[in-house]
Amino acid sequence: MNAPADRWLTARIVQSGEDYACRSDETLLAGMARLGRRGIPVGCLNGGCGVCKVAVRRGRWRKSGAMSRAHVSEEEESQGIALACRVMPETDIEIEVLGRMQRSVLGTAGGGT
């Protein structure tokens, strides 16, 4: 079941506690970039580089395109891990930024997965 295209939802980044508005017809990464926010690292924007890897901690989402299995395995995806450039929210959503880039973008000390 797809959410209406004009529905505005809230995306929250766990590490920073920051919320931003994201439409149900855009990816989490596109919604953040549209607002000029930094919080999810930006890479190729095509689901291939893995830089924007996130874990969805709360909420429902759907894929907007293929994600590289080199960066997100089927098992990880089943556990809510995805690429933010390929995730469109269906409900309000809470995400945790994963990977090497989280430190430089969020200023966190953790290395992540």
PDB file of N, CA and C in Angstrom:
ATOM      1  N   MET A   1       0.845  -1.181   0.000  1.00  0.00           N
ATOM      2  CA  MET A   1       0.000   0.000   0.000  1.00  0.00           C
ATOM      3  C   MET A   1       0.888   1.240   0.000  1.00  0.00           C
ATOM      4  N   ASN A   2       0.781   2.060  -0.991  1.00  0.00           N
ATOM      5  CA  ASN A   2       1.590   3.269  -1.099  1.00  0.00           C
ATOM      6  C   ASN A   2       0.910   4.440  -0.416  1.00  0.00           C
ATOM      7  N   ALA A   3       1.716   5.272   0.201  1.00  0.00           N
ATOM      8  CA  ALA A   3       1.204   6.474   0.837  1.00  0.00           C
ATOM      9  C   ALA A   3       0.892   7.506  -0.241  1.00  0.00           C
ATOM     10  N   PRO A   4      -0.055   8.408   0.015  1.00  0.00           N
ATOM     11  CA  PRO A   4      -0.367   9.449  -0.972  1.00  0.00           C
ATOM     12  C   PRO A   4       0.865  10.287  -1.283  1.00  0.00           C
ATOM     13  N   ALA A   5       0.989  10.731  -2.537  1.00  0.00           N
ATOM     14  CA  ALA A   5       2.161  11.473  -2.979  1.00  0.00           C
ATOM     15  C   ALA A   5       2.315  12.811  -2.265  1.00  0.00           C
ATOM     16  N   ASP A   6       1.237  13.383  -1.799  1.00  0.00           N
ATOM     17  CA  ASP A   6       1.319  14.707  -1.190  1.00  0.00           C
ATOM     18  C   ASP A   6       1.422  14.669   0.333  1.00  0.00           C
ATOM     19  N   ARG A   7       1.657  13.532   0.894  1.00  0.00           N
ATOM     20  CA  ARG A   7       1.693  13.407   2.348  1.00  0.00           C
ATOM     21  C   ARG A   7       3.067  13.779   2.904  1.00  0.00           C
ATOM     22  N   TRP A   8       3.085  14.663   3.877  1.00  0.00           N
ATOM     23  CA  TRP A   8       4.316  15.068   4.548  1.00  0.00           C
ATOM     24  C   TRP A   8       4.497  14.236   5.797  1.00  0.00           C
ATOM     25  N   LEU A   9       5.678  13.697   5.972  1.00  0.00           N
ATOM     26  CA  LEU A   9       6.000  12.851   7.116  1.00  0.00           C
ATOM     27  C   LEU A   9       7.222  13.413   7.833  1.00  0.00           C
ATOM     28  N   THR A  10       7.471  12.921   9.030  1.00  0.00           N
ATOM     29  CA  THR A  10       8.631  13.353   9.796  1.00  0.00           C
ATOM     30  C   THR A  10       9.682  12.268   9.795  1.00  0.00           C
ATOM     31  N   ALA A  11      10.911  12.646   9.465  1.00  0.00           N
ATOM     32  CA  ALA A  11      12.062  11.751   9.547  1.00  0.00           C
ATOM     33  C   ALA A  11      12.940  12.259  10.681  1.00  0.00           C
ATOM     34  N   ARG A  12      13.369  11.354  11.544  1.00  0.00           N
ATOM     35  CA  ARG A  12      14.232  11.720  12.672  1.00  0.00           C
ATOM     36  C   ARG A  12      15.540  10.953  12.565  1.00  0.00           C
ATOM     37  N   ILE A  13      16.645  11.669  12.738  1.00  0.00           N
ATOM     38  CA  ILE A  13      17.966  11.044  12.764  1.00  0.00           C
ATOM     39  C   ILE A  13      18.302  10.792  14.227  1.00  0.00           C
ATOM     40  N   VAL A  14      18.470   9.518  14.597  1.00  0.00           N
ATOM     41  CA  VAL A  14      18.664   9.125  15.992  1.00  0.00           C
ATOM     42  C   VAL A  14      19.850   9.835  16.627  1.00  0.00           C
ATOM     43  N   GLN A  15      21.005   9.820  15.969  1.00  0.00           N
ATOM     44  CA  GLN A  15      22.221  10.358  16.585  1.00  0.00           C
ATOM     45  C   GLN A  15      22.123  11.834  16.927  1.00  0.00           C
ATOM     46  N   SER A  16      21.497  12.625  16.081  1.00  0.00           N
ATOM     47  CA  SER A  16      21.433  14.069  16.317  1.00  0.00           C
ATOM     48  C   SER A  16      20.117  14.506  16.954  1.00  0.00           C
ATOM     49  N   GLY A  17      19.091  13.637  16.882  1.00  0.00           N
ATOM     50  CA  GLY A  17      17.776  14.003  17.382  1.00  0.00           C
ATOM     51  C   GLY A  17      17.051  14.976  16.472  1.00  0.00           C
ATOM     52  N   GLU A  18      17.644  15.261  15.307  1.00  0.00           N
ATOM     53  CA  GLU A  18      17.065  16.222  14.373  1.00  0.00           C
ATOM     54  C   GLU A  18      15.911  15.600  13.600  1.00  0.00           C
ATOM     55  N   ASP A  19      14.842  16.363  13.459  1.00  0.00           N
ATOM     56  CA  ASP A  19      13.684  15.982  12.640  1.00  0.00           C
ATOM     57  C   ASP A  19      13.681  16.833  11.382  1.00  0.00           C
ATOM     58  N   TYR A  20      13.213  16.243  10.288  1.00  0.00           N
ATOM     59  CA  TYR A  20      12.997  17.027   9.080  1.00  0.00           C
ATOM     60  C   TYR A  20      11.788  16.475   8.345  1.00  0.00           C
ATOM     61  N   ALA A  21      11.136  17.334   7.583  1.00  0.00           N
ATOM     62  CA  ALA A  21       9.949  16.943   6.822  1.00  0.00           C
ATOM     63  C   ALA A  21      10.380  16.257   5.537  1.00  0.00           C
ATOM     64  N   CYS A  22       9.706  15.154   5.232  1.00  0.00           N
ATOM     65  CA  CYS A  22       9.992  14.390   4.020  1.00  0.00           C
ATOM     66  C   CYS A  22       8.660  13.971   3.413  1.00  0.00           C
ATOM     67  N   ARG A  23       8.514  14.181   2.117  1.00  0.00           N
ATOM     68  CA  ARG A  23       7.284  13.756   1.449  1.00  0.00           C
ATOM     69  C   ARG A  23       7.316  12.247   1.254  1.00  0.00           C
ATOM     70  N   SER A  24       6.152  11.660   1.181  1.00  0.00           N
ATOM     71  CA  SER A  24       6.052  10.214   0.991  1.00  0.00           C
ATOM     72  C   SER A  24       6.440   9.790  -0.416  1.00  0.00           C
ATOM     73  N   ASP A  25       6.590  10.758  -1.339  1.00  0.00           N
ATOM     74  CA  ASP A  25       6.979  10.416  -2.708  1.00  0.00           C
ATOM     75  C   ASP A  25       8.425  10.795  -3.016  1.00  0.00           C
ATOM     76  N   GLU A  26       9.233  11.038  -1.969  1.00  0.00           N
ATOM     77  CA  GLU A  26      10.653  11.313  -2.169  1.00  0.00           C
ATOM     78  C   GLU A  26      11.470  10.453  -1.218  1.00  0.00           C
ATOM     79  N   THR A  27      12.730  10.247  -1.549  1.00  0.00           N
ATOM     80  CA  THR A  27      13.584   9.441  -0.679  1.00  0.00           C
ATOM     81  C   THR A  27      13.989  10.246   0.549  1.00  0.00           C
ATOM     82  N   LEU A  28      14.404   9.530   1.586  1.00  0.00           N
ATOM     83  CA  LEU A  28      14.869  10.202   2.797  1.00  0.00           C
ATOM     84  C   LEU A  28      16.029  11.136   2.489  1.00  0.00           C
ATOM     85  N   LEU A  29      16.921  10.705   1.611  1.00  0.00           N
ATOM     86  CA  LEU A  29      18.076  11.526   1.259  1.00  0.00           C
ATOM     87  C   LEU A  29      17.651  12.772   0.476  1.00  0.00           C
ATOM     88  N   ALA A  30      16.720  12.629  -0.439  1.00  0.00           N
ATOM     89  CA  ALA A  30      16.240  13.772  -1.225  1.00  0.00           C
ATOM     90  C   ALA A  30      15.527  14.779  -0.326  1.00  0.00           C
ATOM     91  N   GLY A  31      14.739  14.295   0.631  1.00  0.00           N
ATOM     92  CA  GLY A  31      14.039  15.187   1.548  1.00  0.00           C
ATOM     93  C   GLY A  31      15.001  15.996   2.390  1.00  0.00           C
ATOM     94  N   MET A  32      16.046  15.347   2.880  1.00  0.00           N
ATOM     95  CA  MET A  32      17.044  16.040   3.680  1.00  0.00           C
ATOM     96  C   MET A  32      17.800  17.058   2.826  1.00  0.00           C
ATOM     97  N   ALA A  33      18.190  16.668   1.623  1.00  0.00           N
ATOM     98  CA  ALA A  33      18.943  17.558   0.733  1.00  0.00           C
ATOM     99  C   ALA A  33      18.099  18.760   0.301  1.00  0.00           C
ATOM    100  N   ARG A  34      16.802  18.549   0.070  1.00  0.00           N
ATOM    101  CA  ARG A  34      15.909  19.619  -0.342  1.00  0.00           C
ATOM    102  C   ARG A  34      15.900  20.744   0.687  1.00  0.00           C
ATOM    103  N   LEU A  35      16.052  20.382   1.950  1.00  0.00           N
ATOM    104  CA  LEU A  35      16.037  21.368   3.026  1.00  0.00           C
ATOM    105  C   LEU A  35      17.427  21.935   3.315  1.00  0.00           C
ATOM    106  N   GLY A  36      18.424  21.429   2.594  1.00  0.00           N
ATOM    107  CA  GLY A  36      19.789  21.897   2.826  1.00  0.00           C
ATOM    108  C   GLY A  36      20.378  21.395   4.123  1.00  0.00           C
ATOM    109  N   ARG A  37      19.872  20.284   4.614  1.00  0.00           N
ATOM    110  CA  ARG A  37      20.340  19.726   5.880  1.00  0.00           C
ATOM    111  C   ARG A  37      21.515  18.780   5.661  1.00  0.00           C
ATOM    112  N   ARG A  38      22.314  18.609   6.689  1.00  0.00           N
ATOM    113  CA  ARG A  38      23.359  17.594   6.705  1.00  0.00           C
ATOM    114  C   ARG A  38      23.007  16.635   7.824  1.00  0.00           C
ATOM    115  N   GLY A  39      23.143  15.380   7.582  1.00  0.00           N
ATOM    116  CA  GLY A  39      22.828  14.385   8.605  1.00  0.00           C
ATOM    117  C   GLY A  39      23.009  12.986   8.050  1.00  0.00           C
ATOM    118  N   ILE A  40      22.662  12.813   6.796  1.00  0.00           N
ATOM    119  CA  ILE A  40      22.887  11.555   6.101  1.00  0.00           C
ATOM    120  C   ILE A  40      23.950  11.839   5.048  1.00  0.00           C
ATOM    121  N   PRO A  41      25.047  11.096   5.052  1.00  0.00           N
ATOM    122  CA  PRO A  41      26.083  11.326   4.049  1.00  0.00           C
ATOM    123  C   PRO A  41      25.550  11.143   2.629  1.00  0.00           C
ATOM    124  N   VAL A  42      26.020  11.957   1.701  1.00  0.00           N
ATOM    125  CA  VAL A  42      25.588  11.909   0.302  1.00  0.00           C
ATOM    126  C   VAL A  42      26.711  11.351  -0.551  1.00  0.00           C
ATOM    127  N   GLY A  43      26.361  10.371  -1.380  1.00  0.00           N
ATOM    128  CA  GLY A  43      27.334   9.786  -2.295  1.00  0.00           C
ATOM    129  C   GLY A  43      26.827   9.869  -3.715  1.00  0.00           C
ATOM    130  N   CYS A  44      26.644   8.702  -4.331  1.00  0.00           N
ATOM    131  CA  CYS A  44      26.291   8.644  -5.757  1.00  0.00           C
ATOM    132  C   CYS A  44      24.826   8.950  -6.048  1.00  0.00           C
ATOM    133  N   LEU A  45      23.952   8.834  -5.057  1.00  0.00           N
ATOM    134  CA  LEU A  45      22.506   9.058  -5.183  1.00  0.00           C
ATOM    135  C   LEU A  45      21.789   8.004  -6.025  1.00  0.00           C
ATOM    136  N   ASN A  46      22.465   6.926  -6.374  1.00  0.00           N
ATOM    137  CA  ASN A  46      21.877   5.898  -7.231  1.00  0.00           C
ATOM    138  C   ASN A  46      21.830   4.511  -6.605  1.00  0.00           C
ATOM    139  N   GLY A  47      22.057   4.378  -5.310  1.00  0.00           N
ATOM    140  CA  GLY A  47      21.973   3.084  -4.657  1.00  0.00           C
ATOM    141  C   GLY A  47      23.176   2.191  -4.866  1.00  0.00           C
ATOM    142  N   GLY A  48      24.288   2.742  -5.335  1.00  0.00           N
ATOM    143  CA  GLY A  48      25.438   1.910  -5.648  1.00  0.00           C
ATOM    144  C   GLY A  48      26.643   2.056  -4.747  1.00  0.00           C
ATOM    145  N   CYS A  49      26.801   3.203  -4.076  1.00  0.00           N
ATOM    146  CA  CYS A  49      28.050   3.425  -3.333  1.00  0.00           C
ATOM    147  C   CYS A  49      27.975   3.023  -1.862  1.00  0.00           C
ATOM    148  N   GLY A  50      26.800   3.014  -1.271  1.00  0.00           N
ATOM    149  CA  GLY A  50      26.645   2.605   0.123  1.00  0.00           C
ATOM    150  C   GLY A  50      26.927   3.679   1.151  1.00  0.00           C
ATOM    151  N   VAL A  51      27.269   4.890   0.735  1.00  0.00           N
ATOM    152  CA  VAL A  51      27.624   5.960   1.664  1.00  0.00           C
ATOM    153  C   VAL A  51      26.450   6.359   2.561  1.00  0.00           C
ATOM    154  N   CYS A  52      25.232   6.305   2.045  1.00  0.00           N
ATOM    155  CA  CYS A  52      24.053   6.766   2.792  1.00  0.00           C
ATOM    156  C   CYS A  52      23.339   5.629   3.534  1.00  0.00           C
ATOM    157  N   LYS A  53      24.082   4.630   3.952  1.00  0.00           N
ATOM    158  CA  LYS A  53      23.508   3.462   4.629  1.00  0.00           C
ATOM    159  C   LYS A  53      22.916   3.866   5.978  1.00  0.00           C
ATOM    160  N   VAL A  54      21.668   3.450   6.198  1.00  0.00           N
ATOM    161  CA  VAL A  54      20.960   3.766   7.431  1.00  0.00           C
ATOM    162  C   VAL A  54      20.247   2.513   7.959  1.00  0.00           C
ATOM    163  N   ALA A  55      19.911   2.553   9.221  1.00  0.00           N
ATOM    164  CA  ALA A  55      19.074   1.519   9.832  1.00  0.00           C
ATOM    165  C   ALA A  55      17.764   2.184  10.228  1.00  0.00           C
ATOM    166  N   VAL A  56      16.663   1.671   9.734  1.00  0.00           N
ATOM    167  CA  VAL A  56      15.350   2.204  10.099  1.00  0.00           C
ATOM    168  C   VAL A  56      14.988   1.595  11.447  1.00  0.00           C
ATOM    169  N   ARG A  57      14.889   2.427  12.458  1.00  0.00           N
ATOM    170  CA  ARG A  57      14.607   1.974  13.829  1.00  0.00           C
ATOM    171  C   ARG A  57      13.112   1.985  14.138  1.00  0.00           C
ATOM    172  N   ARG A  58      12.373   2.839  13.424  1.00  0.00           N
ATOM    173  CA  ARG A  58      10.932   2.910  13.645  1.00  0.00           C
ATOM    174  C   ARG A  58      10.286   3.449  12.384  1.00  0.00           C
ATOM    175  N   GLY A  59       9.152   2.892  12.020  1.00  0.00           N
ATOM    176  CA  GLY A  59       8.403   3.366  10.863  1.00  0.00           C
ATOM    177  C   GLY A  59       8.452   2.387   9.694  1.00  0.00           C
ATOM    178  N   ARG A  60       7.572   2.641   8.718  1.00  0.00           N
ATOM    179  CA  ARG A  60       7.498   1.805   7.512  1.00  0.00           C
ATOM    180  C   ARG A  60       8.047   2.565   6.322  1.00  0.00           C
ATOM    181  N   TRP A  61       8.632   1.813   5.398  1.00  0.00           N
ATOM    182  CA  TRP A  61       9.228   2.403   4.213  1.00  0.00           C
ATOM    183  C   TRP A  61       9.096   1.442   3.043  1.00  0.00           C
ATOM    184  N   ARG A  62       9.375   1.978   1.840  1.00  0.00           N
ATOM    185  CA  ARG A  62       9.405   1.150   0.639  1.00  0.00           C
ATOM    186  C   ARG A  62      10.620   1.555  -0.177  1.00  0.00           C
ATOM    187  N   LYS A  63      11.051   0.668  -1.036  1.00  0.00           N
ATOM    188  CA  LYS A  63      12.205   0.952  -1.887  1.00  0.00           C
ATOM    189  C   LYS A  63      11.765   1.738  -3.113  1.00  0.00           C
ATOM    190  N   SER A  64      12.615   2.661  -3.535  1.00  0.00           N
ATOM    191  CA  SER A  64      12.344   3.420  -4.748  1.00  0.00           C
ATOM    192  C   SER A  64      13.173   2.894  -5.913  1.00  0.00           C
ATOM    193  N   GLY A  65      14.060   1.953  -5.648  1.00  0.00           N
ATOM    194  CA  GLY A  65      14.916   1.384  -6.680  1.00  0.00           C
ATOM    195  C   GLY A  65      15.848   0.357  -6.063  1.00  0.00           C
ATOM    196  N   ALA A  66      16.690  -0.202  -6.899  1.00  0.00           N
ATOM    197  CA  ALA A  66      17.607  -1.258  -6.456  1.00  0.00           C
ATOM    198  C   ALA A  66      18.707  -0.701  -5.561  1.00  0.00           C
ATOM    199  N   MET A  67      19.096  -1.510  -4.563  1.00  0.00           N
ATOM    200  CA  MET A  67      20.221  -1.186  -3.694  1.00  0.00           C
ATOM    201  C   MET A  67      21.316  -2.197  -3.969  1.00  0.00           C
ATOM    202  N   SER A  68      22.545  -1.738  -3.999  1.00  0.00           N
ATOM    203  CA  SER A  68      23.679  -2.617  -4.241  1.00  0.00           C
ATOM    204  C   SER A  68      23.776  -3.669  -3.134  1.00  0.00           C
ATOM    205  N   ARG A  69      23.796  -4.931  -3.519  1.00  0.00           N
ATOM    206  CA  ARG A  69      23.949  -6.015  -2.536  1.00  0.00           C
ATOM    207  C   ARG A  69      25.371  -6.052  -1.982  1.00  0.00           C
ATOM    208  N   ALA A  70      26.280  -5.323  -2.590  1.00  0.00           N
ATOM    209  CA  ALA A  70      27.622  -5.200  -2.036  1.00  0.00           C
ATOM    210  C   ALA A  70      27.596  -4.353  -0.759  1.00  0.00           C
ATOM    211  N   HIS A  71      26.544  -3.535  -0.597  1.00  0.00           N
ATOM    212  CA  HIS A  71      26.447  -2.639   0.553  1.00  0.00           C
ATOM    213  C   HIS A  71      25.303  -2.981   1.506  1.00  0.00           C
ATOM    214  N   VAL A  72      24.233  -3.586   0.990  1.00  0.00           N
ATOM    215  CA  VAL A  72      23.095  -3.985   1.824  1.00  0.00           C
ATOM    216  C   VAL A  72      22.671  -5.382   1.393  1.00  0.00           C
ATOM    217  N   SER A  73      22.904  -6.351   2.267  1.00  0.00           N
ATOM    218  CA  SER A  73      22.515  -7.731   1.960  1.00  0.00           C
ATOM    219  C   SER A  73      21.008  -7.903   2.132  1.00  0.00           C
ATOM    220  N   GLU A  74      20.479  -8.977   1.595  1.00  0.00           N
ATOM    221  CA  GLU A  74      19.051  -9.258   1.777  1.00  0.00           C
ATOM    222  C   GLU A  74      18.724  -9.397   3.255  1.00  0.00           C
ATOM    223  N   GLU A  75      19.615 -10.027   4.017  1.00  0.00           N
ATOM    224  CA  GLU A  75      19.400 -10.203   5.454  1.00  0.00           C
ATOM    225  C   GLU A  75      19.363  -8.840   6.155  1.00  0.00           C
ATOM    226  N   GLU A  76      20.305  -7.957   5.819  1.00  0.00           N
ATOM    227  CA  GLU A  76      20.313  -6.617   6.415  1.00  0.00           C
ATOM    228  C   GLU A  76      19.026  -5.875   6.064  1.00  0.00           C
ATOM    229  N   GLU A  77      18.628  -5.950   4.798  1.00  0.00           N
ATOM    230  CA  GLU A  77      17.412  -5.259   4.375  1.00  0.00           C
ATOM    231  C   GLU A  77      16.201  -5.747   5.168  1.00  0.00           C
ATOM    232  N   SER A  78      16.136  -7.046   5.426  1.00  0.00           N
ATOM    233  CA  SER A  78      15.017  -7.598   6.196  1.00  0.00           C
ATOM    234  C   SER A  78      15.028  -7.096   7.641  1.00  0.00           C
ATOM    235  N   GLN A  79      16.183  -6.610   8.094  1.00  0.00           N
ATOM    236  CA  GLN A  79      16.316  -6.071   9.451  1.00  0.00           C
ATOM    237  C   GLN A  79      16.172  -4.553   9.476  1.00  0.00           C
ATOM    238  N   GLY A  80      15.813  -3.942   8.329  1.00  0.00           N
ATOM    239  CA  GLY A  80      15.576  -2.507   8.284  1.00  0.00           C
ATOM    240  C   GLY A  80      16.768  -1.680   7.869  1.00  0.00           C
ATOM    241  N   ILE A  81      17.826  -2.315   7.395  1.00  0.00           N
ATOM    242  CA  ILE A  81      18.996  -1.584   6.934  1.00  0.00           C
ATOM    243  C   ILE A  81      18.850  -1.338   5.439  1.00  0.00           C
ATOM    244  N   ALA A  82      19.105  -0.096   5.032  1.00  0.00           N
ATOM    245  CA  ALA A  82      18.883   0.276   3.636  1.00  0.00           C
ATOM    246  C   ALA A  82      19.750   1.479   3.283  1.00  0.00           C
ATOM    247  N   LEU A  83      19.672   1.889   2.036  1.00  0.00           N
ATOM    248  CA  LEU A  83      20.347   3.102   1.577  1.00  0.00           C
ATOM    249  C   LEU A  83      19.319   4.221   1.529  1.00  0.00           C
ATOM    250  N   ALA A  84      19.613   5.340   2.171  1.00  0.00           N
ATOM    251  CA  ALA A  84      18.659   6.444   2.279  1.00  0.00           C
ATOM    252  C   ALA A  84      18.249   6.996   0.919  1.00  0.00           C
ATOM    253  N   CYS A  85      19.098   6.809  -0.083  1.00  0.00           N
ATOM    254  CA  CYS A  85      18.746   7.280  -1.429  1.00  0.00           C
ATOM    255  C   CYS A  85      17.736   6.365  -2.101  1.00  0.00           C
ATOM    256  N   ARG A  86      17.403   5.241  -1.466  1.00  0.00           N
ATOM    257  CA  ARG A  86      16.444   4.287  -2.019  1.00  0.00           C
ATOM    258  C   ARG A  86      15.282   3.999  -1.078  1.00  0.00           C
ATOM    259  N   VAL A  87      15.125   4.812  -0.022  1.00  0.00           N
ATOM    260  CA  VAL A  87      14.074   4.616   0.972  1.00  0.00           C
ATOM    261  C   VAL A  87      13.077   5.759   0.899  1.00  0.00           C
ATOM    262  N   MET A  88      11.799   5.404   0.679  1.00  0.00           N
ATOM    263  CA  MET A  88      10.707   6.379   0.690  1.00  0.00           C
ATOM    264  C   MET A  88       9.823   6.047   1.900  1.00  0.00           C
ATOM    265  N   PRO A  89       9.580   7.018   2.770  1.00  0.00           N
ATOM    266  CA  PRO A  89       8.802   6.737   3.981  1.00  0.00           C
ATOM    267  C   PRO A  89       7.313   6.538   3.675  1.00  0.00           C
ATOM    268  N   GLU A  90       6.711   5.624   4.410  1.00  0.00           N
ATOM    269  CA  GLU A  90       5.255   5.434   4.354  1.00  0.00           C
ATOM    270  C   GLU A  90       4.593   5.936   5.628  1.00  0.00           C
ATOM    271  N   THR A  91       5.385   6.090   6.679  1.00  0.00           N
ATOM    272  CA  THR A  91       4.931   6.632   7.961  1.00  0.00           C
ATOM    273  C   THR A  91       6.046   7.533   8.472  1.00  0.00           C
ATOM    274  N   ASP A  92       5.810   8.220   9.590  1.00  0.00           N
ATOM    275  CA  ASP A  92       6.911   8.908  10.249  1.00  0.00           C
ATOM    276  C   ASP A  92       7.984   7.858  10.493  1.00  0.00           C
ATOM    277  N   ILE A  93       9.240   8.274  10.428  1.00  0.00           N
ATOM    278  CA  ILE A  93      10.321   7.291  10.423  1.00  0.00           C
ATOM    279  C   ILE A  93      11.487   7.785  11.267  1.00  0.00           C
ATOM    280  N   GLU A  94      12.175   6.845  11.890  1.00  0.00           N
ATOM    281  CA  GLU A  94      13.348   7.161  12.692  1.00  0.00           C
ATOM    282  C   GLU A  94      14.498   6.332  12.153  1.00  0.00           C
ATOM    283  N   ILE A  95      15.607   6.999  11.822  1.00  0.00           N
ATOM    284  CA  ILE A  95      16.742   6.297  11.223  1.00  0.00           C
ATOM    285  C   ILE A  95      18.029   6.563  11.992  1.00  0.00           C
ATOM    286  N   GLU A  96      18.923   5.602  11.913  1.00  0.00           N
ATOM    287  CA  GLU A  96      20.259   5.738  12.475  1.00  0.00           C
ATOM    288  C   GLU A  96      21.240   5.660  11.312  1.00  0.00           C
ATOM    289  N   VAL A  97      22.133   6.632  11.220  1.00  0.00           N
ATOM    290  CA  VAL A  97      23.136   6.642  10.163  1.00  0.00           C
ATOM    291  C   VAL A  97      24.205   5.613  10.507  1.00  0.00           C
ATOM    292  N   LEU A  98      24.553   4.770   9.531  1.00  0.00           N
ATOM    293  CA  LEU A  98      25.561   3.733   9.715  1.00  0.00           C
ATOM    294  C   LEU A  98      26.784   4.033   8.859  1.00  0.00           C
ATOM    295  N   GLY A  99      27.841   3.298   9.083  1.00  0.00           N
ATOM    296  CA  GLY A  99      28.998   3.358   8.196  1.00  0.00           C
ATOM    297  C   GLY A  99      30.052   4.356   8.596  1.00  0.00           C
ATOM    298  N   ARG A 100      31.091   4.372   7.774  1.00  0.00           N
ATOM    299  CA  ARG A 100      32.281   5.177   8.046  1.00  0.00           C
ATOM    300  C   ARG A 100      32.021   6.670   8.021  1.00  0.00           C
ATOM    301  N   MET A 101      31.074   7.112   7.221  1.00  0.00           N
ATOM    302  CA  MET A 101      30.862   8.542   7.036  1.00  0.00           C
ATOM    303  C   MET A 101      30.102   9.208   8.180  1.00  0.00           C
ATOM    304  N   GLN A 102      29.457   8.439   9.057  1.00  0.00           N
ATOM    305  CA  GLN A 102      28.642   9.059  10.102  1.00  0.00           C
ATOM    306  C   GLN A 102      29.460   9.979  10.996  1.00  0.00           C
ATOM    307  N   ARG A 103      30.696   9.668  11.224  1.00  0.00           N
ATOM    308  CA  ARG A 103      31.524  10.464  12.117  1.00  0.00           C
ATOM    309  C   ARG A 103      31.743  11.870  11.577  1.00  0.00           C
ATOM    310  N   SER A 104      32.084  11.980  10.308  1.00  0.00           N
ATOM    311  CA  SER A 104      32.358  13.301   9.756  1.00  0.00           C
ATOM    312  C   SER A 104      31.105  14.137   9.582  1.00  0.00           C
ATOM    313  N   VAL A 105      29.975  13.505   9.313  1.00  0.00           N
ATOM    314  CA  VAL A 105      28.739  14.245   9.090  1.00  0.00           C
ATOM    315  C   VAL A 105      28.060  14.605  10.408  1.00  0.00           C
ATOM    316  N   LEU A 106      28.017  13.635  11.322  1.00  0.00           N
ATOM    317  CA  LEU A 106      27.289  13.848  12.569  1.00  0.00           C
ATOM    318  C   LEU A 106      28.181  14.263  13.733  1.00  0.00           C
ATOM    319  N   GLY A 107      29.494  14.126  13.552  1.00  0.00           N
ATOM    320  CA  GLY A 107      30.399  14.465  14.637  1.00  0.00           C
ATOM    321  C   GLY A 107      30.386  13.440  15.755  1.00  0.00           C
ATOM    322  N   THR A 108      30.004  12.185  15.437  1.00  0.00           N
ATOM    323  CA  THR A 108      29.949  11.128  16.445  1.00  0.00           C
ATOM    324  C   THR A 108      31.271  10.388  16.492  1.00  0.00           C
ATOM    325  N   ALA A 109      31.519   9.722  17.589  1.00  0.00           N
ATOM    326  CA  ALA A 109      32.766   8.986  17.753  1.00  0.00           C
ATOM    327  C   ALA A 109      32.666   7.549  17.285  1.00  0.00           C
ATOM    328  N   GLY A 110      31.447   7.045  17.072  1.00  0.00           N
ATOM    329  CA  GLY A 110      31.263   5.639  16.704  1.00  0.00           C
ATOM    330  C   GLY A 110      31.624   5.350  15.286  1.00  0.00           C
ATOM    331  N   GLY A 111      32.017   4.100  15.026  1.00  0.00           N
ATOM    332  CA  GLY A 111      32.373   3.689  13.680  1.00  0.00           C
ATOM    333  C   GLY A 111      31.208   3.090  12.937  1.00  0.00           C
ATOM    334  N   GLY A 112      30.201   2.551  13.662  1.00  0.00           N
ATOM    335  CA  GLY A 112      29.033   1.958  13.000  1.00  0.00           C
ATOM    336  C   GLY A 112      29.364   0.689  12.281  1.00  0.00           C
ATOM    337  N   THR A 113      28.409   0.237  11.470  1.00  0.00           N
ATOM    338  CA  THR A 113      28.576  -0.990  10.713  1.00  0.00           C
ATOM    339  C   THR A 113      28.940  -0.709   9.297  1.00  0.00           C
TER     340      THR A 113
END
